[in-house]
Amino acid sequence: MQFPGERDGRDNRQVAVPGVSLLLASTTSTGVIAGAIAVGGTAVTLLAVAVGRRLGSSSRISGEERMAKLVQDLDSRMAAMGRELSEALDRAREETRRSRFLGELAGSIDLDDVLRRTLDAAGALPGADGALITIDAPDSEPITAATGISEEEAEELALGPPPRGKRVRSMSITYEPGLEPLPGEQPPIRVGLAIPITAELEPVGILSVFSRGEPGIFSDEQLHALEDLASRAGPAIENARRFREARQLADLDALTGLHNRRYFHETLARECARAQRYNRRLALVVLDLDDFKAINDQIGHLAGDAVLAEISQRIRDVVRSADIPCRVGGDEFAVILPESAIEDADQLYRRLQERVSTKPVAQAGRMLLSAGIAELRAQDDAVSFFQRADDALYRAKEAGKGRVVASSATQAPDEPPAASGLVGR
């Protein structure tokens, strides 16, 4: 007896299952995989029944053996097909996610957003436990961002400037194991893979992925994926970096190099909102050069510009890294002091006064600063906060030269403030 699709000869039998086909071209859900496997299982069952009916009593034993082997073979094939379908679906999902990421990456001009998206994509590579990106900054410290690793690890693992060699494709890194981790601690980083990031054929940074597993975990497939990511991210990073530089230049006062008036008011509004939201302290110093108009009249406006530039440099030398010095107009300056009280503002004024008054300034000689200081109140917004400090400065100017007046948080609106070399209470 010859089954449908069976070749002649006992050892060359092939069984075809008519009517069963799997269409994968447009498959995008695991439901199709389950359905395909179910159809295969049904086909195996029907085939078993058909074969059993056709076997005669004389060949029942040998037919059952052939049937058992046939069912086992088909079952193995269906299981393999299910795994292939699942892997294909995972690859399709990864390609869709990567395509969406690349489209979003190209449309962003915010550097922090571009770096975050790049890191997310790099950290999602199979075998990667963390990712680090370092961007070269010509006039400042390199910009670094990381995901999946601690700040200490990022500092330890960060590579230097991007390699200048045109032929550098990738760098495989093996790290010394170090001490065994304590219970509950993550194992140390053991291997890394670094790819130069280029834009307009010039290196702009390095993209690295790291693993806590054994060496050899990163295959050629991961290397190609990381190279593709770096090549796509390079132009987006360069565009975002140029936009940030242009924005920073737009935020700076051309004469003094301090932040300008627009930046001051935007930042003050942001810092006020943050301090109010998180119940943090915030102080403000508004400064004015005494008798600056007379200096302009005596030595000219160009020399007066030199005086402003030197005063600005002395302000930069005195303020803390967290403070935000600005030129708000003419010879008026302001310093925003996050996480600070009115006593901190008073101390800053005294340091500034000492730096300005103890050494001649350009052609103007010895100069003095008057100041108004204030601390943020619960009912303040950015406008009222600045107005209180500015009003305090006006009262300091009326009281004489080299004075500071504090708009105290406890002072009633009609209470006359103190004006002297000490903070008003």
Protein backbone atom coordinates (compact mmCIF):
# COMPACT_ATOMS: atom_id res chain seq x y z
CA MET A 1 0.00 0.00 0.00
CA GLN A 2 1.31 3.41 -0.89
CA PHE A 3 0.37 6.47 1.17
CA PRO A 4 -0.29 9.83 -0.47
CA GLY A 5 3.05 11.34 -1.27
CA GLU A 6 4.91 8.08 -0.43
CA ARG A 7 7.80 7.04 -2.63
CA ASP A 8 8.37 3.45 -3.67
CA GLY A 9 10.60 1.54 -1.27
CA ARG A 10 10.30 0.95 2.44
CA ASP A 11 13.23 3.18 3.47
CA ASN A 12 12.44 6.30 1.43
CA ARG A 13 8.98 7.15 2.59
CA GLN A 14 7.97 10.84 2.77
CA VAL A 15 4.57 11.81 4.07
CA ALA A 16 3.04 15.04 2.78
CA VAL A 17 0.29 16.69 4.81
CA PRO A 18 -1.96 18.38 2.27
CA GLY A 19 -3.87 21.47 3.22
CA VAL A 20 -1.46 22.63 5.95
CA SER A 21 0.57 25.81 5.28
CA LEU A 22 1.97 28.57 7.47
CA LEU A 23 2.06 32.14 6.18
CA LEU A 24 4.67 34.20 8.02
CA ALA A 25 5.01 37.26 5.80
CA SER A 26 2.63 39.45 7.76
CA THR A 27 2.81 37.72 11.17
CA THR A 28 3.15 40.18 14.09
CA SER A 29 1.69 38.39 17.10
CA THR A 30 2.35 35.30 19.16
CA GLY A 31 -1.25 34.21 18.53
CA VAL A 32 -0.26 33.17 15.02
CA ILE A 33 2.58 31.07 16.40
CA ALA A 34 0.25 29.27 18.77
CA GLY A 35 -2.25 28.80 15.97
CA ALA A 36 0.38 27.38 13.65
CA ILE A 37 1.52 24.86 16.24
CA ALA A 38 -2.08 23.89 16.99
CA VAL A 39 -2.76 23.30 13.28
CA GLY A 40 0.36 21.15 13.09
CA GLY A 41 -0.74 19.12 16.10
CA THR A 42 -4.18 18.59 14.58
CA ALA A 43 -2.60 17.47 11.31
CA VAL A 44 -0.45 14.95 13.16
CA THR A 45 -3.49 13.55 14.95
CA LEU A 46 -5.54 13.25 11.74
CA LEU A 47 -2.63 11.61 9.99
CA ALA A 48 -2.30 9.09 12.79
CA VAL A 49 -5.97 8.14 12.50
CA ALA A 50 -5.73 7.77 8.73
CA VAL A 51 -2.61 5.66 8.90
CA GLY A 52 -4.11 3.47 11.59
CA ARG A 53 -7.20 2.75 9.50
CA ARG A 54 -5.18 1.83 6.45
CA LEU A 55 -2.84 -0.58 8.20
CA GLY A 56 -3.93 -4.18 7.90
CA SER A 57 -3.88 -6.68 10.74
CA SER A 58 -0.86 -8.43 9.26
CA SER A 59 1.26 -5.27 9.36
CA ARG A 60 -0.22 -3.71 12.49
CA ILE A 61 2.94 -3.92 14.63
CA SER A 62 5.28 -2.56 11.98
CA GLY A 63 2.74 0.14 11.07
CA GLU A 64 2.46 1.28 14.68
CA GLU A 65 6.22 1.52 14.91
CA ARG A 66 6.38 3.57 11.74
CA MET A 67 3.50 5.69 12.99
CA ALA A 68 5.19 6.37 16.33
CA LYS A 69 8.38 7.38 14.59
CA LEU A 70 6.47 9.57 12.16
CA VAL A 71 4.57 11.34 14.93
CA GLN A 72 7.78 11.88 16.90
CA ASP A 73 9.52 13.32 13.84
CA LEU A 74 6.65 15.67 13.03
CA ASP A 75 6.41 16.75 16.65
CA SER A 76 10.10 17.67 16.67
CA ARG A 77 9.70 19.59 13.44
CA MET A 78 6.70 21.52 14.77
CA ALA A 79 8.61 22.42 17.95
CA ALA A 80 11.54 23.67 15.87
CA MET A 81 9.14 25.63 13.68
CA GLY A 82 7.61 27.22 16.77
CA ARG A 83 11.02 28.31 18.02
CA GLU A 84 11.90 29.76 14.61
CA LEU A 85 8.61 31.66 14.51
CA SER A 86 9.20 33.06 18.00
CA GLU A 87 12.74 34.14 17.11
CA ALA A 88 11.53 35.76 13.88
CA LEU A 89 8.86 37.62 15.79
CA ASP A 90 11.42 38.88 18.34
CA ARG A 91 13.69 40.06 15.53
CA ALA A 92 10.81 41.85 13.82
CA ARG A 93 9.88 43.59 17.06
CA GLU A 94 13.52 44.62 17.63
CA GLU A 95 13.78 45.99 14.08
CA THR A 96 10.55 47.94 14.54
CA ARG A 97 11.75 49.36 17.86
CA ARG A 98 15.13 50.27 16.39
CA SER A 99 13.56 51.95 13.34
CA ARG A 100 11.28 53.99 15.59
CA PHE A 101 14.24 54.96 17.77
CA LEU A 102 16.33 56.07 14.80
CA GLY A 103 13.47 58.17 13.47
CA GLU A 104 13.00 59.87 16.83
CA LEU A 105 16.75 60.33 17.22
CA ALA A 106 17.10 62.18 13.94
CA GLY A 107 14.25 64.54 14.88
CA SER A 108 15.66 65.69 18.24
CA ILE A 109 17.98 68.68 18.77
CA ASP A 110 18.20 68.41 22.55
CA LEU A 111 21.59 66.90 23.42
CA ASP A 112 20.44 65.27 26.67
CA ASP A 113 17.53 63.62 24.84
CA VAL A 114 19.77 62.37 22.01
CA LEU A 115 22.26 60.88 24.48
CA ARG A 116 19.49 59.22 26.51
CA ARG A 117 17.93 57.62 23.43
CA THR A 118 21.32 56.41 22.20
CA LEU A 119 22.11 54.87 25.59
CA ASP A 120 18.72 53.17 25.79
CA ALA A 121 19.27 51.55 22.40
CA ALA A 122 22.84 50.49 23.24
CA GLY A 123 21.86 49.10 26.64
CA ALA A 124 19.14 46.97 24.99
CA LEU A 125 21.68 44.96 22.97
CA PRO A 126 21.79 41.27 23.97
CA GLY A 127 24.44 40.69 26.62
CA ALA A 128 24.80 44.38 27.55
CA ASP A 129 24.44 45.22 31.25
CA GLY A 130 25.24 48.91 30.82
CA ALA A 131 26.22 51.58 28.32
CA LEU A 132 28.33 54.72 28.43
CA ILE A 133 28.72 57.58 26.00
CA THR A 134 31.46 60.21 26.08
CA ILE A 135 31.24 63.30 23.87
CA ASP A 136 34.27 65.46 23.22
CA ALA A 137 33.80 69.14 24.14
CA PRO A 138 36.52 71.37 22.59
CA ASP A 139 36.39 74.15 25.18
CA SER A 140 35.28 72.27 28.31
CA GLU A 141 35.24 68.91 30.05
CA PRO A 142 33.89 65.95 28.03
CA ILE A 143 30.17 65.27 28.34
CA THR A 144 29.42 61.80 29.72
CA ALA A 145 26.17 59.92 30.24
CA ALA A 146 25.54 56.32 31.30
CA THR A 147 22.84 53.75 31.93
CA GLY A 148 22.92 50.44 33.80
CA ILE A 149 26.14 51.27 35.68
CA SER A 150 26.84 53.33 38.79
CA GLU A 151 28.51 56.74 38.82
CA GLU A 152 31.65 55.17 40.26
CA GLU A 153 31.71 52.56 37.49
CA ALA A 154 31.09 55.22 34.84
CA GLU A 155 34.03 57.25 36.11
CA GLU A 156 36.25 54.17 36.22
CA LEU A 157 35.22 52.81 32.82
CA ALA A 158 35.13 56.07 30.86
CA LEU A 159 37.63 56.09 28.02
CA GLY A 160 39.70 59.09 26.97
CA PRO A 161 39.26 61.26 23.86
CA PRO A 162 37.98 59.48 20.75
CA PRO A 163 40.75 57.89 18.69
CA ARG A 164 41.90 60.05 15.80
CA GLY A 165 42.89 57.14 13.56
CA LYS A 166 40.57 56.81 10.58
CA ARG A 167 40.91 53.00 10.59
CA VAL A 168 39.80 52.42 14.18
CA ARG A 169 36.62 50.36 13.93
CA SER A 170 36.05 49.06 17.42
CA MET A 171 37.82 48.31 20.68
CA SER A 172 37.27 45.17 22.76
CA ILE A 173 38.15 45.65 26.41
CA THR A 174 38.74 43.06 29.13
CA TYR A 175 38.78 44.25 32.74
CA GLU A 176 40.53 42.66 35.68
CA PRO A 177 38.05 40.75 37.87
CA GLY A 178 39.03 42.53 41.08
CA LEU A 179 37.51 41.54 44.41
CA GLU A 180 34.61 39.13 44.55
CA PRO A 181 31.30 40.95 45.15
CA LEU A 182 29.68 40.76 48.54
CA PRO A 183 26.28 39.06 48.89
CA GLY A 184 23.65 41.26 47.24
CA GLU A 185 26.21 43.20 45.19
CA GLN A 186 26.38 43.09 41.43
CA PRO A 187 29.38 41.33 39.88
CA PRO A 188 31.98 43.68 38.41
CA ILE A 189 32.14 44.69 34.77
CA ARG A 190 34.30 42.13 32.96
CA VAL A 191 34.17 43.05 29.26
CA GLY A 192 33.42 46.07 27.13
CA LEU A 193 32.95 46.97 23.49
CA ALA A 194 33.63 50.55 22.34
CA ILE A 195 32.79 52.16 19.00
CA PRO A 196 34.02 55.62 17.89
CA ILE A 197 31.22 58.07 17.09
CA THR A 198 31.92 60.18 14.01
CA ALA A 199 30.18 63.08 12.33
CA GLU A 200 31.31 64.61 9.05
CA LEU A 201 34.21 62.08 9.07
CA GLU A 202 35.55 63.50 12.35
CA PRO A 203 35.44 61.69 15.73
CA VAL A 204 33.08 63.31 18.24
CA GLY A 205 32.93 60.69 20.99
CA ILE A 206 32.85 57.04 22.03
CA LEU A 207 29.89 54.72 22.58
CA SER A 208 30.61 51.75 24.87
CA VAL A 209 28.61 48.78 26.13
CA PHE A 210 29.63 46.64 29.09
CA SER A 211 28.84 43.19 30.43
CA ARG A 212 29.27 41.52 33.79
CA GLY A 213 29.46 38.15 32.00
CA GLU A 214 32.36 36.21 30.60
CA PRO A 215 34.64 37.41 27.76
CA GLY A 216 33.33 36.63 24.30
CA ILE A 217 29.75 37.56 25.15
CA PHE A 218 29.64 40.22 22.42
CA SER A 219 29.36 38.59 19.00
CA ASP A 220 29.83 40.01 15.52
CA GLU A 221 26.07 40.57 15.40
CA GLN A 222 26.22 42.86 18.45
CA LEU A 223 29.25 44.62 16.98
CA HIS A 224 27.41 45.35 13.72
CA ALA A 225 24.34 46.57 15.61
CA LEU A 226 26.46 48.91 17.77
CA GLU A 227 28.30 50.21 14.71
CA ASP A 228 25.01 50.95 13.00
CA LEU A 229 23.74 52.74 16.11
CA ALA A 230 26.91 54.84 16.41
CA SER A 231 26.81 55.81 12.73
CA ARG A 232 23.20 56.97 13.06
CA ALA A 233 23.75 58.72 16.38
CA GLY A 234 26.85 60.67 15.26
CA PRO A 235 25.10 63.29 13.07
CA ALA A 236 22.26 63.67 15.59
CA ILE A 237 24.73 64.22 18.45
CA GLU A 238 26.72 66.77 16.43
CA ASN A 239 23.57 68.71 15.50
CA ALA A 240 22.37 68.73 19.11
CA ARG A 241 25.81 69.77 20.35
CA ARG A 242 25.96 72.69 17.92
CA PHE A 243 22.46 73.75 18.92
CA ARG A 244 23.47 73.72 22.59
CA GLU A 245 26.58 75.78 21.86
CA ALA A 246 24.53 78.28 19.86
CA ARG A 247 21.98 78.49 22.65
CA GLN A 248 24.71 79.05 25.23
CA LEU A 249 26.17 81.85 23.13
CA ALA A 250 22.71 83.39 22.87
CA ASP A 251 22.41 83.23 26.67
CA LEU A 252 25.68 85.09 27.27
CA ASP A 253 26.29 88.81 27.47
CA ALA A 254 28.78 89.64 24.72
CA LEU A 255 30.70 92.23 26.76
CA THR A 256 31.08 90.51 30.12
CA GLY A 257 30.68 86.80 29.33
CA LEU A 258 28.10 86.48 32.12
CA HIS A 259 24.59 85.23 31.49
CA ASN A 260 22.36 87.92 30.02
CA ARG A 261 19.10 89.44 31.25
CA ARG A 262 16.84 87.00 29.38
CA TYR A 263 18.66 84.00 30.79
CA PHE A 264 18.53 85.52 34.28
CA HIS A 265 14.76 85.90 34.29
CA GLU A 266 14.16 82.45 32.76
CA THR A 267 16.49 80.80 35.28
CA LEU A 268 15.10 82.75 38.23
CA ALA A 269 11.57 81.61 37.32
CA ARG A 270 12.74 78.00 37.07
CA GLU A 271 14.67 78.11 40.35
CA CYS A 272 11.76 79.76 42.17
CA ALA A 273 9.36 77.05 40.94
CA ARG A 274 11.77 74.30 41.98
CA ALA A 275 12.36 75.82 45.43
CA GLN A 276 8.63 76.23 46.04
CA ARG A 277 7.85 72.70 44.84
CA TYR A 278 10.46 70.98 46.98
CA ASN A 279 10.44 73.42 49.90
CA ARG A 280 14.05 74.48 49.27
CA ARG A 281 15.75 77.75 50.12
CA LEU A 282 16.75 80.29 47.48
CA ALA A 283 18.56 83.61 47.82
CA LEU A 284 19.22 86.48 45.43
CA VAL A 285 21.82 89.26 45.29
CA VAL A 286 21.28 92.29 43.04
CA LEU A 287 24.43 94.45 42.65
CA ASP A 288 25.19 97.87 41.25
CA LEU A 289 28.50 99.71 40.70
CA ASP A 290 28.62 102.97 42.59
CA ASP A 291 29.25 106.13 40.51
CA PHE A 292 29.64 104.22 37.27
CA LYS A 293 28.04 107.03 35.23
CA ALA A 294 30.76 109.38 36.39
CA ILE A 295 33.39 106.86 35.29
CA ASN A 296 31.89 106.73 31.79
CA ASP A 297 31.88 110.53 31.67
CA GLN A 298 35.49 110.82 32.82
CA ILE A 299 37.31 108.05 30.92
CA GLY A 300 34.84 107.28 28.11
CA HIS A 301 32.52 104.44 27.30
CA LEU A 302 35.19 102.12 25.88
CA ALA A 303 37.17 102.34 29.11
CA GLY A 304 33.89 101.92 30.99
CA ASP A 305 33.29 98.67 29.06
CA ALA A 306 36.71 97.47 30.20
CA VAL A 307 35.69 98.20 33.79
CA LEU A 308 32.50 96.14 33.41
CA ALA A 309 34.45 93.27 31.88
CA GLU A 310 36.94 93.21 34.76
CA ILE A 311 34.22 93.47 37.41
CA SER A 312 32.47 90.52 35.75
CA GLN A 313 35.63 88.45 35.91
CA ARG A 314 36.02 89.20 39.61
CA ILE A 315 32.42 88.15 40.18
CA ARG A 316 33.08 84.84 38.41
CA ASP A 317 36.16 84.30 40.57
CA VAL A 318 34.18 84.69 43.81
CA VAL A 319 30.86 82.89 43.24
CA ARG A 320 30.40 79.18 43.92
CA SER A 321 29.99 76.72 41.06
CA ALA A 322 26.30 76.34 41.95
CA ASP A 323 25.67 80.11 41.88
CA ILE A 324 24.41 81.78 38.70
CA PRO A 325 25.94 85.23 38.00
CA CYS A 326 24.24 87.43 35.40
CA ARG A 327 24.40 90.93 33.95
CA VAL A 328 20.87 92.26 34.05
CA GLY A 329 21.59 95.61 32.40
CA GLY A 330 24.08 98.50 32.34
CA ASP A 331 26.20 98.28 35.47
CA GLU A 332 23.67 96.12 37.33
CA PHE A 333 24.43 92.49 38.11
CA ALA A 334 22.61 89.68 39.90
CA VAL A 335 23.60 86.34 41.41
CA ILE A 336 21.08 83.54 42.00
CA LEU A 337 22.04 81.34 44.96
CA PRO A 338 20.24 77.95 44.97
CA GLU A 339 19.96 76.11 48.30
CA SER A 340 20.97 79.31 50.14
CA ALA A 341 19.64 81.59 52.86
CA ILE A 342 19.87 85.36 53.20
CA GLU A 343 22.99 84.94 55.36
CA ASP A 344 24.70 83.23 52.41
CA ALA A 345 23.75 86.14 50.18
CA ASP A 346 25.24 88.58 52.70
CA GLN A 347 28.50 86.62 52.84
CA LEU A 348 28.73 86.55 49.06
CA TYR A 349 28.23 90.32 48.90
CA ARG A 350 31.05 90.85 51.39
CA ARG A 351 33.43 88.66 49.40
CA LEU A 352 32.53 90.52 46.23
CA GLN A 353 32.96 93.89 47.89
CA GLU A 354 36.39 92.90 49.14
CA ARG A 355 37.49 91.61 45.72
CA VAL A 356 36.30 94.78 43.94
CA SER A 357 37.40 97.45 46.43
CA THR A 358 40.85 96.26 47.48
CA LYS A 359 42.41 96.42 44.02
CA PRO A 360 42.01 99.14 41.34
CA VAL A 361 39.69 98.23 38.49
CA ALA A 362 41.16 99.04 35.05
CA GLN A 363 41.41 102.84 34.70
CA ALA A 364 38.66 103.51 37.23
CA GLY A 365 40.71 102.91 40.38
CA ARG A 366 39.07 101.70 43.55
CA MET A 367 35.34 100.96 43.24
CA LEU A 368 32.47 100.00 45.53
CA LEU A 369 29.38 97.84 45.11
CA SER A 370 25.92 98.42 46.55
CA ALA A 371 23.55 95.48 46.88
CA GLY A 372 20.06 94.38 47.73
CA ILE A 373 19.58 90.82 48.95
CA ALA A 374 16.50 88.69 49.52
CA GLU A 375 15.43 85.16 50.40
CA LEU A 376 12.46 83.49 48.72
CA ARG A 377 9.16 83.65 50.61
CA ALA A 378 6.35 81.13 50.40
CA GLN A 379 4.12 83.66 48.62
CA ASP A 380 6.81 84.81 46.17
CA ASP A 381 7.00 84.24 42.47
CA ALA A 382 9.98 85.17 40.31
CA VAL A 383 8.70 88.70 39.66
CA SER A 384 7.98 89.60 43.28
CA PHE A 385 11.20 87.96 44.45
CA PHE A 386 13.33 90.02 42.07
CA GLN A 387 11.34 93.15 42.83
CA ARG A 388 12.04 92.84 46.56
CA ALA A 389 15.78 92.45 45.99
CA ASP A 390 15.80 95.31 43.47
CA ASP A 391 13.89 97.59 45.85
CA ALA A 392 16.42 96.73 48.56
CA LEU A 393 19.22 97.74 46.18
CA TYR A 394 17.49 101.05 45.52
CA ARG A 395 17.33 101.74 49.26
CA ALA A 396 21.01 100.78 49.63
CA LYS A 397 21.94 103.31 46.92
CA GLU A 398 19.96 106.01 48.71
CA ALA A 399 21.74 105.25 51.99
CA GLY A 400 25.23 105.77 50.56
CA LYS A 401 28.00 103.89 48.79
CA GLY A 402 29.16 100.36 49.45
CA ARG A 403 26.00 99.41 51.35
CA VAL A 404 23.80 96.30 51.45
CA VAL A 405 20.12 96.19 52.38
CA ALA A 406 18.24 92.97 53.05
CA SER A 407 14.62 92.44 52.21
CA SER A 408 14.01 90.21 55.22
CA ALA A 409 11.55 87.35 54.99
CA THR A 410 10.06 88.47 58.31
CA GLN A 411 9.95 92.17 57.51
CA ALA A 412 6.51 93.76 57.24
CA PRO A 413 5.85 95.57 53.91
CA ASP A 414 5.80 99.04 55.53
CA GLU A 415 8.64 98.45 57.98
CA PRO A 416 11.69 100.59 57.10
CA PRO A 417 14.73 98.39 56.37
CA ALA A 418 18.15 98.89 57.86
CA ALA A 419 20.84 100.26 55.57
CA SER A 420 24.48 99.89 56.52
CA GLY A 421 27.46 97.71 55.92
CA LEU A 422 25.55 94.97 57.77
CA VAL A 423 22.58 92.96 56.67
CA GLY A 424 19.28 94.67 57.38
CA ARG A 425 17.01 92.95 59.87
